[in-house]
Amino acid sequence: MATLNTYPDNISVEEAIQTRMVADLTAINNEVAAVTAGSGVLVSSDDSTVGYLDGKLLAGEGIDLTVGSPAGNETLTISCDRIFNKNAIINGDFNIWQRGTSFSSIASNSYSADRWRYVEVSDSVHTVSRDTDVPTQSESEHQSNYSLKLDCTTIDASIAAGDQIFLDHKIEGYNFAPFVGRATTLSFWVKSVKTGIYCVAFVNSGSDRSYVVEYTINSASTWEKKTITLTFDYSGGTWNYIDGIGIRVVFAIATGSTYQTTANAWQSGNYIATSNQVNGADSADNNFWLAQVQFELGSVATDFEYRQFGDELARCQRYYWKTFPYATAPAQNLDSLNGAIGVYVSVAGANGYANKRIQFPVVMRGAPTIIFYSTHEATANWYNNNDGADTTAGLVMDGANDHGFTAGCAQGATDGQGEQLFIQATASVEL
């Protein structure tokens, strides 16, 4: 309901407005006792005082209100853990798998889930796959779809000094720079058939500074949450805070003595475990799962950050991109034109040249390595859809940079005017 205000006949419009503003400000001042920065909201709860606040404070999602004494001044502490972009791990929820979802006898230094690398120097063999076995929502307060599963298919019962088996995630320097010299927390969910002491290591870009932390898997085949807090010491070694490796987060599976050191201290060298690290490759039953990996500022692990699928995919495409449909693993001779680069032959025969400039959906980390795939043959070349065979001409790639590349075709004699040529491609510029 509107309030009608009356003023003396001789008052000016400006004076009337000023009088009303003073009255309104006085009313507001009488409602709220004080607001103090840094310690929440301070109000009066005593209805006999002028500063009494009669009403309710409603908390939105992610906001907790902690109320003090019911009499006198109450301190309402407002905290919010729904912070966006707090997790420096890309694809820590293992939703993005552009290269495929199962990698049998995976080669060392290969990627499976986007941004996750497998390294193996030993006699063991593993399969890496996307798995639906995840921590429950009631356990983790986050609904994951997938975890990364590491399945030992060929054992190495005796790890040599120079052997190492691990999964790692490389954080780009730009994304790592805010963590330098500050308390940082790594949290993750892990499950393994083999119990015992495992290690996580943090290794710089020059592999000449490292910090190893032990954690224990207490129960076999049971999801457990682990939390590790440390401060990054950048006083020595080679560090990168731009577009190179900022830090490697390494999950050790088995490690020889060459890469072992003491825990909980910065060391000069490339170390990923202690001598207590179990041999996670000594049995074909040794499956290892990883889920909900988060790397954030602060000394407390907060709730796992949810990201929309499209946002996470775009982050991954800074390092790896493909023309194939998302659910299709890149390969030669898939007998499909879905997503393929296509050009028309404008001038028939071997004297003609067809090309197309491809623009990446996001700016990549740098000029990528381009790999081409034939849509219908075993060897990479342009496929002539009208002739039903690869062209006899040469494949040309030009002008690759962080924005795109040009795919060209030095045509063959059988390429007729108006015919369609197709090819698939991937672009990679991993750290």
Protein backbone atom coordinates (compact mmCIF):
# COMPACT_ATOMS: atom_id res chain seq x y z
CA MET A 1 0.00 0.00 0.00
CA ALA A 2 1.39 3.44 -0.92
CA THR A 3 1.90 6.02 1.86
CA LEU A 4 0.71 9.61 1.32
CA ASN A 5 3.13 12.18 2.72
CA THR A 6 2.09 15.82 3.46
CA TYR A 7 4.42 18.82 3.59
CA PRO A 8 4.01 22.56 4.48
CA ASP A 9 2.65 24.80 1.71
CA ASN A 10 5.88 26.79 1.45
CA ILE A 11 8.28 23.81 1.04
CA SER A 12 10.07 23.41 -2.30
CA VAL A 13 10.08 20.21 -4.35
CA GLU A 14 13.80 19.75 -3.66
CA GLU A 15 13.26 20.14 0.10
CA ALA A 16 10.36 17.67 0.01
CA ILE A 17 12.49 15.06 -1.76
CA GLN A 18 15.35 15.61 0.67
CA THR A 19 13.01 15.30 3.66
CA ARG A 20 11.61 12.02 2.32
CA MET A 21 15.10 10.61 1.63
CA VAL A 22 16.22 11.39 5.18
CA ALA A 23 13.12 9.67 6.56
CA ASP A 24 13.70 6.59 4.41
CA LEU A 25 17.37 6.34 5.38
CA THR A 26 16.48 6.73 9.06
CA ALA A 27 13.96 3.90 8.76
CA ILE A 28 16.52 1.65 7.10
CA ASN A 29 19.09 2.53 9.74
CA ASN A 30 16.64 1.62 12.46
CA GLU A 31 16.04 -1.77 10.86
CA VAL A 32 19.66 -2.89 10.46
CA ALA A 33 22.05 -2.49 13.37
CA ALA A 34 25.32 -2.95 11.45
CA VAL A 35 26.97 -4.78 8.60
CA THR A 36 30.60 -5.76 9.11
CA ALA A 37 32.85 -7.10 6.34
CA GLY A 38 34.83 -10.27 6.93
CA SER A 39 32.82 -11.53 9.88
CA GLY A 40 29.39 -12.02 8.41
CA VAL A 41 26.31 -9.86 9.12
CA LEU A 42 25.88 -8.32 12.58
CA VAL A 43 22.29 -7.59 13.62
CA SER A 44 20.41 -6.93 16.83
CA SER A 45 18.01 -9.58 18.13
CA ASP A 46 16.74 -7.56 21.09
CA ASP A 47 13.27 -6.22 20.22
CA SER A 48 13.56 -3.53 22.93
CA THR A 49 16.32 -1.74 21.02
CA VAL A 50 16.03 0.58 18.06
CA GLY A 51 18.26 -1.71 16.04
CA TYR A 52 15.95 -4.71 16.28
CA LEU A 53 15.69 -6.55 12.96
CA ASP A 54 12.22 -8.05 12.56
CA GLY A 55 12.30 -10.48 9.67
CA LYS A 56 14.04 -13.47 8.16
CA LEU A 57 17.33 -14.03 6.38
CA LEU A 58 16.95 -16.68 3.69
CA ALA A 59 19.94 -18.72 2.56
CA GLY A 60 20.24 -19.67 -1.09
CA GLU A 61 21.86 -22.83 -2.40
CA GLY A 62 25.38 -23.19 -1.09
CA ILE A 63 24.96 -20.61 1.72
CA ASP A 64 25.03 -21.60 5.37
CA LEU A 65 23.87 -19.26 8.15
CA THR A 66 25.31 -19.94 11.59
CA VAL A 67 23.39 -18.08 14.32
CA GLY A 68 24.98 -17.20 17.65
CA SER A 69 23.33 -16.23 20.95
CA PRO A 70 19.54 -15.67 20.81
CA ALA A 71 19.89 -12.44 22.79
CA GLY A 72 21.93 -9.34 22.11
CA ASN A 73 23.91 -9.15 18.88
CA GLU A 74 23.96 -12.22 16.68
CA THR A 75 26.77 -12.94 14.22
CA LEU A 76 25.52 -14.62 11.07
CA THR A 77 28.42 -16.28 9.29
CA ILE A 78 27.73 -16.69 5.60
CA SER A 79 29.82 -19.25 3.74
CA CYS A 80 29.49 -20.47 0.17
CA ASP A 81 31.22 -23.52 -1.32
CA ARG A 82 29.55 -23.22 -4.74
CA ILE A 83 32.59 -21.48 -6.21
CA PHE A 84 32.98 -21.72 -9.96
CA ASN A 85 36.26 -22.54 -11.71
CA LYS A 86 37.91 -23.61 -8.46
CA ASN A 87 39.10 -26.99 -9.80
CA ALA A 88 42.30 -26.80 -11.87
CA ILE A 89 41.88 -30.43 -12.94
CA ILE A 90 40.24 -30.65 -16.36
CA ASN A 91 38.00 -33.70 -16.72
CA GLY A 92 38.38 -34.68 -13.08
CA ASP A 93 34.90 -36.23 -13.30
CA PHE A 94 35.98 -38.41 -16.26
CA ASN A 95 33.04 -37.48 -18.48
CA ILE A 96 35.10 -36.65 -21.59
CA TRP A 97 36.60 -39.50 -23.64
CA GLN A 98 37.22 -38.19 -27.18
CA ARG A 99 39.76 -40.89 -28.12
CA GLY A 100 37.55 -43.82 -27.11
CA THR A 101 36.31 -45.50 -23.94
CA SER A 102 38.45 -48.66 -23.73
CA PHE A 103 42.16 -49.08 -24.45
CA SER A 104 43.38 -52.67 -24.35
CA SER A 105 47.14 -53.15 -23.86
CA ILE A 106 47.49 -49.38 -23.81
CA ALA A 107 50.89 -48.07 -24.88
CA SER A 108 52.99 -46.02 -22.50
CA ASN A 109 52.62 -42.25 -22.75
CA SER A 110 49.08 -42.60 -24.13
CA TYR A 111 45.92 -40.69 -23.28
CA SER A 112 42.62 -42.40 -22.51
CA ALA A 113 40.16 -40.09 -20.78
CA ASP A 114 40.89 -36.58 -21.99
CA ARG A 115 43.81 -34.95 -20.13
CA TRP A 116 44.74 -38.23 -18.38
CA ARG A 117 47.95 -39.97 -19.38
CA TYR A 118 49.14 -43.53 -18.72
CA VAL A 119 52.89 -44.16 -18.37
CA GLU A 120 54.43 -47.61 -17.98
CA VAL A 121 58.06 -48.68 -17.93
CA SER A 122 57.92 -52.30 -16.74
CA ASP A 123 56.90 -55.79 -17.86
CA SER A 124 53.26 -55.19 -16.96
CA VAL A 125 50.38 -54.56 -19.37
CA HIS A 126 47.17 -52.68 -18.59
CA THR A 127 43.78 -51.89 -20.01
CA VAL A 128 42.38 -48.43 -19.29
CA SER A 129 38.63 -47.97 -19.61
CA ARG A 130 35.68 -45.79 -18.75
CA ASP A 131 33.73 -47.44 -15.95
CA THR A 132 30.31 -46.83 -14.42
CA ASP A 133 31.52 -47.94 -10.98
CA VAL A 134 31.56 -44.63 -9.07
CA PRO A 135 31.13 -43.35 -5.52
CA THR A 136 27.45 -43.08 -4.67
CA GLN A 137 25.77 -39.71 -4.40
CA SER A 138 25.17 -40.30 -0.71
CA GLU A 139 28.89 -40.98 -0.21
CA SER A 140 30.34 -38.09 -2.18
CA GLU A 141 27.38 -35.68 -2.47
CA HIS A 142 28.06 -35.59 -6.21
CA GLN A 143 26.51 -37.74 -8.92
CA SER A 144 29.31 -38.98 -11.17
CA ASN A 145 28.66 -40.95 -14.33
CA TYR A 146 32.09 -42.49 -14.79
CA SER A 147 35.41 -43.33 -13.21
CA LEU A 148 38.73 -44.28 -14.80
CA LYS A 149 39.55 -47.97 -14.38
CA LEU A 150 43.08 -49.39 -14.66
CA ASP A 151 43.05 -53.18 -15.15
CA CYS A 152 46.32 -55.12 -14.84
CA THR A 153 46.29 -57.84 -17.53
CA THR A 154 49.98 -58.84 -17.45
CA ILE A 155 51.82 -58.73 -14.14
CA ASP A 156 55.28 -57.56 -13.12
CA ALA A 157 55.99 -59.28 -9.82
CA SER A 158 59.39 -57.65 -9.36
CA ILE A 159 59.70 -53.94 -10.07
CA ALA A 160 63.20 -52.96 -11.24
CA ALA A 161 64.92 -49.79 -10.06
CA GLY A 162 64.07 -47.83 -13.20
CA ASP A 163 60.50 -49.10 -13.55
CA GLN A 164 57.46 -46.93 -13.05
CA ILE A 165 53.73 -47.20 -13.65
CA PHE A 166 51.46 -44.22 -13.09
CA LEU A 167 48.55 -42.09 -14.21
CA ASP A 168 49.09 -38.36 -14.37
CA HIS A 169 47.35 -35.09 -15.15
CA LYS A 170 49.31 -32.07 -16.40
CA ILE A 171 48.01 -28.66 -15.35
CA GLU A 172 48.92 -25.86 -17.75
CA GLY A 173 51.10 -23.05 -16.38
CA TYR A 174 48.43 -20.38 -16.78
CA ASN A 175 46.05 -22.45 -14.63
CA PHE A 176 48.72 -23.38 -12.09
CA ALA A 177 50.12 -19.87 -11.49
CA PRO A 178 47.46 -18.87 -8.88
CA PHE A 179 48.55 -21.80 -6.67
CA VAL A 180 52.21 -20.80 -6.37
CA GLY A 181 53.26 -20.23 -2.77
CA ARG A 182 49.75 -20.88 -1.47
CA ALA A 183 48.06 -23.69 0.41
CA THR A 184 46.50 -26.14 -2.03
CA THR A 185 44.29 -29.18 -1.54
CA LEU A 186 44.00 -32.24 -3.76
CA SER A 187 40.99 -34.46 -3.13
CA PHE A 188 39.91 -37.61 -4.95
CA TRP A 189 38.00 -40.84 -4.62
CA VAL A 190 39.94 -44.06 -5.13
CA LYS A 191 39.28 -47.79 -5.08
CA SER A 192 41.64 -50.72 -5.48
CA VAL A 193 41.61 -54.47 -5.11
CA LYS A 194 45.06 -54.21 -3.51
CA THR A 195 45.19 -52.44 -0.15
CA GLY A 196 48.19 -50.68 1.35
CA ILE A 197 50.19 -47.49 0.89
CA TYR A 198 49.99 -45.60 -2.39
CA CYS A 199 51.55 -42.29 -3.37
CA VAL A 200 50.61 -39.07 -5.12
CA ALA A 201 53.38 -36.82 -6.40
CA PHE A 202 53.52 -33.22 -7.58
CA VAL A 203 56.27 -32.65 -10.16
CA ASN A 204 57.21 -29.33 -11.78
CA SER A 205 57.72 -28.58 -15.48
CA GLY A 206 61.46 -29.26 -15.36
CA SER A 207 61.02 -32.54 -13.45
CA ASP A 208 63.64 -31.20 -11.02
CA ARG A 209 61.35 -30.44 -8.07
CA SER A 210 58.87 -32.92 -6.62
CA TYR A 211 56.75 -33.50 -3.54
CA VAL A 212 55.48 -36.98 -2.62
CA VAL A 213 52.58 -37.77 -0.29
CA GLU A 214 51.49 -41.19 0.92
CA TYR A 215 47.88 -42.29 1.33
CA THR A 216 46.45 -45.62 2.44
CA ILE A 217 43.77 -47.73 0.79
CA ASN A 218 42.28 -49.39 3.84
CA SER A 219 39.62 -51.70 2.42
CA ALA A 220 39.77 -53.73 -0.76
CA SER A 221 37.35 -52.83 -3.56
CA THR A 222 35.80 -49.99 -1.55
CA TRP A 223 35.54 -46.35 -2.56
CA GLU A 224 37.50 -44.09 -0.20
CA LYS A 225 38.00 -40.32 -0.30
CA LYS A 226 41.52 -38.99 0.14
CA THR A 227 42.59 -35.41 0.86
CA ILE A 228 46.10 -33.99 0.53
CA THR A 229 47.15 -30.43 1.43
CA LEU A 230 50.48 -28.79 0.63
CA THR A 231 52.05 -25.43 -0.24
CA PHE A 232 53.94 -25.09 -3.53
CA ASP A 233 57.57 -24.15 -2.99
CA TYR A 234 58.88 -22.48 -6.13
CA SER A 235 62.29 -21.49 -4.73
CA GLY A 236 64.24 -23.92 -6.90
CA GLY A 237 63.98 -25.83 -10.13
CA THR A 238 62.36 -24.94 -13.44
CA TRP A 239 58.75 -23.77 -13.34
CA ASN A 240 56.37 -22.70 -16.09
CA TYR A 241 53.50 -20.30 -15.48
CA ILE A 242 52.35 -19.80 -19.07
CA ASP A 243 51.47 -22.37 -21.77
CA GLY A 244 53.74 -25.25 -20.71
CA ILE A 245 53.47 -27.76 -17.88
CA GLY A 246 52.71 -25.94 -14.65
CA ILE A 247 52.55 -29.03 -12.44
CA ARG A 248 52.06 -32.76 -12.94
CA VAL A 249 49.76 -34.57 -10.51
CA VAL A 250 50.99 -38.18 -10.50
CA PHE A 251 49.12 -41.22 -9.14
CA ALA A 252 51.69 -43.99 -8.67
CA ILE A 253 50.76 -47.64 -9.25
CA ALA A 254 54.25 -49.17 -8.92
CA THR A 255 57.65 -47.51 -8.73
CA GLY A 256 61.28 -48.58 -8.71
CA SER A 257 63.88 -47.16 -6.34
CA THR A 258 65.14 -44.61 -8.89
CA TYR A 259 61.92 -42.64 -8.48
CA GLN A 260 61.49 -43.09 -4.72
CA THR A 261 62.12 -40.48 -2.02
CA THR A 262 60.88 -39.49 1.44
CA ALA A 263 57.37 -38.12 1.88
CA ASN A 264 56.02 -34.68 2.73
CA ALA A 265 58.98 -32.54 1.66
CA TRP A 266 60.06 -30.78 -1.51
CA GLN A 267 62.90 -32.67 -3.18
CA SER A 268 65.32 -31.76 -5.96
CA GLY A 269 64.64 -34.34 -8.64
CA ASN A 270 61.93 -36.37 -10.34
CA TYR A 271 60.30 -38.56 -7.68
CA ILE A 272 56.80 -40.02 -7.65
CA ALA A 273 56.64 -42.39 -4.66
CA THR A 274 58.24 -43.60 -1.44
CA SER A 275 59.68 -47.03 -0.73
CA ASN A 276 56.36 -47.88 0.95
CA GLN A 277 54.44 -47.74 -2.35
CA VAL A 278 52.73 -51.06 -3.07
CA ASN A 279 53.37 -52.96 -6.28
CA GLY A 280 50.01 -52.46 -7.93
CA ALA A 281 51.04 -54.66 -10.87
CA ASP A 282 51.89 -57.89 -9.04
CA SER A 283 48.53 -59.57 -9.72
CA ALA A 284 46.09 -59.73 -12.61
CA ASP A 285 43.37 -59.05 -10.05
CA ASN A 286 44.79 -55.60 -9.28
CA ASN A 287 42.17 -53.23 -10.61
CA PHE A 288 42.46 -49.54 -9.69
CA TRP A 289 39.74 -46.87 -10.00
CA LEU A 290 39.93 -43.09 -9.78
CA ALA A 291 37.05 -40.59 -9.58
CA GLN A 292 36.19 -36.98 -8.71
CA VAL A 293 39.70 -35.53 -8.73
CA GLN A 294 39.86 -31.90 -7.55
CA PHE A 295 42.82 -29.51 -7.17
CA GLU A 296 41.87 -26.25 -5.46
CA LEU A 297 43.18 -23.34 -3.43
CA GLY A 298 42.93 -23.52 0.35
CA SER A 299 43.63 -26.01 3.10
CA VAL A 300 40.14 -27.55 3.10
CA ALA A 301 38.61 -29.86 0.49
CA THR A 302 35.27 -28.43 -0.63
CA ASP A 303 32.46 -30.17 -2.49
CA PHE A 304 33.39 -31.46 -5.93
CA GLU A 305 32.79 -28.85 -8.62
CA TYR A 306 30.07 -29.65 -11.14
CA ARG A 307 30.73 -28.54 -14.72
CA GLN A 308 28.37 -28.70 -17.67
CA PHE A 309 29.40 -31.25 -20.29
CA GLY A 310 29.88 -28.63 -23.01
CA ASP A 311 32.10 -26.51 -20.79
CA GLU A 312 34.33 -29.44 -19.88
CA LEU A 313 34.54 -30.60 -23.50
CA ALA A 314 35.65 -27.12 -24.60
CA ARG A 315 38.42 -27.14 -21.97
CA CYS A 316 39.61 -30.49 -23.29
CA GLN A 317 39.55 -29.26 -26.89
CA ARG A 318 42.28 -26.76 -26.08
CA TYR A 319 44.58 -29.81 -26.08
CA TYR A 320 42.85 -32.33 -28.36
CA TRP A 321 40.21 -32.00 -31.08
CA LYS A 322 38.76 -34.24 -33.77
CA THR A 323 36.42 -34.07 -36.76
CA PHE A 324 34.82 -37.41 -35.84
CA PRO A 325 31.51 -37.38 -33.94
CA TYR A 326 32.07 -37.19 -30.20
CA ALA A 327 31.17 -40.84 -29.55
CA THR A 328 33.39 -42.15 -32.39
CA ALA A 329 36.98 -43.12 -31.61
CA PRO A 330 39.33 -41.88 -34.37
CA ALA A 331 40.49 -44.64 -36.73
CA GLN A 332 41.15 -45.35 -40.39
CA ASN A 333 38.48 -46.93 -42.59
CA LEU A 334 35.37 -46.49 -40.44
CA ASP A 335 33.18 -46.48 -43.55
CA SER A 336 31.45 -43.27 -42.50
CA LEU A 337 31.48 -39.63 -43.62
CA ASN A 338 30.01 -38.32 -40.36
CA GLY A 339 31.88 -35.19 -39.32
CA ALA A 340 34.39 -35.48 -42.16
CA ILE A 341 36.04 -32.51 -43.89
CA GLY A 342 34.55 -32.20 -47.38
CA VAL A 343 35.58 -30.33 -50.54
CA TYR A 344 34.31 -30.15 -54.13
CA VAL A 345 36.59 -30.62 -57.13
CA SER A 346 36.41 -27.35 -59.06
CA VAL A 347 38.93 -28.18 -61.78
CA ALA A 348 39.06 -31.78 -63.00
CA GLY A 349 42.19 -33.90 -63.15
CA ALA A 350 45.70 -33.78 -61.81
CA ASN A 351 46.11 -30.08 -62.56
CA GLY A 352 43.45 -29.16 -60.01
CA TYR A 353 43.85 -28.44 -56.31
CA ALA A 354 41.13 -28.55 -53.66
CA ASN A 355 41.48 -27.34 -50.07
CA LYS A 356 39.51 -26.22 -47.06
CA ARG A 357 40.42 -24.11 -44.03
CA ILE A 358 39.32 -25.71 -40.75
CA GLN A 359 38.63 -23.51 -37.73
CA PHE A 360 38.96 -25.04 -34.25
CA PRO A 361 36.00 -24.49 -31.87
CA VAL A 362 38.37 -23.12 -29.20
CA VAL A 363 41.87 -21.65 -29.31
CA MET A 364 44.30 -24.52 -28.84
CA ARG A 365 47.37 -24.34 -26.60
CA GLY A 366 49.64 -23.93 -29.63
CA ALA A 367 50.13 -25.20 -33.16
CA PRO A 368 48.91 -28.82 -33.00
CA THR A 369 50.06 -32.01 -34.67
CA ILE A 370 47.49 -32.98 -37.32
CA ILE A 371 46.80 -36.65 -38.09
CA PHE A 372 44.57 -37.52 -41.06
CA TYR A 373 42.29 -40.55 -41.45
CA SER A 374 40.70 -42.01 -44.56
CA THR A 375 36.97 -42.50 -44.23
CA HIS A 376 36.94 -45.74 -46.26
CA GLU A 377 40.52 -46.97 -46.70
CA ALA A 378 43.33 -48.19 -44.44
CA THR A 379 45.78 -45.43 -45.42
CA ALA A 380 45.17 -41.74 -44.79
CA ASN A 381 44.08 -39.90 -47.93
CA TRP A 382 41.11 -38.07 -49.40
CA TYR A 383 38.18 -40.33 -50.24
CA ASN A 384 36.40 -39.61 -53.53
CA ASN A 385 32.78 -40.28 -52.69
CA ASN A 386 31.74 -40.35 -56.36
CA ASP A 387 34.40 -42.87 -57.41
CA GLY A 388 34.04 -44.93 -54.22
CA ALA A 389 37.78 -44.99 -53.55
CA ASP A 390 40.60 -42.85 -52.22
CA THR A 391 41.97 -40.35 -54.69
CA THR A 392 45.32 -41.13 -56.31
CA ALA A 393 46.58 -37.65 -55.45
CA GLY A 394 48.59 -36.40 -52.52
CA LEU A 395 47.40 -35.19 -49.13
CA VAL A 396 48.56 -31.70 -48.16
CA MET A 397 48.37 -30.01 -44.74
CA ASP A 398 49.28 -26.35 -44.40
CA GLY A 399 49.08 -23.41 -42.03
CA ALA A 400 48.47 -25.23 -38.75
CA ASN A 401 48.26 -22.83 -35.81
CA ASP A 402 46.27 -22.47 -32.60
CA HIS A 403 43.17 -21.39 -34.56
CA GLY A 404 43.04 -24.00 -37.31
CA PHE A 405 44.70 -25.58 -40.35
CA THR A 406 44.24 -26.05 -44.09
CA ALA A 407 43.52 -29.51 -45.48
CA GLY A 408 44.50 -29.71 -49.14
CA CYS A 409 44.30 -32.25 -51.96
CA ALA A 410 46.64 -32.29 -54.95
CA GLN A 411 44.07 -34.02 -57.14
CA GLY A 412 44.48 -37.17 -59.19
CA ALA A 413 43.64 -37.75 -62.84
CA THR A 414 40.35 -39.44 -62.00
CA ASP A 415 39.00 -36.61 -59.85
CA GLY A 416 36.21 -35.07 -61.92
CA GLN A 417 34.75 -31.61 -61.67
CA GLY A 418 31.99 -31.39 -59.05
CA GLU A 419 32.99 -34.62 -57.31
CA GLN A 420 33.17 -34.73 -53.52
CA LEU A 421 36.31 -35.53 -51.52
CA PHE A 422 36.29 -36.33 -47.78
CA ILE A 423 38.83 -36.88 -45.00
CA GLN A 424 38.89 -37.03 -41.18
CA ALA A 425 41.46 -35.46 -38.85
CA THR A 426 42.60 -35.01 -35.26
CA ALA A 427 44.63 -32.17 -33.75
CA SER A 428 46.75 -32.66 -30.63
CA VAL A 429 48.88 -30.26 -28.62
CA GLU A 430 48.99 -31.97 -25.22
CA LEU A 431 51.36 -30.74 -22.54
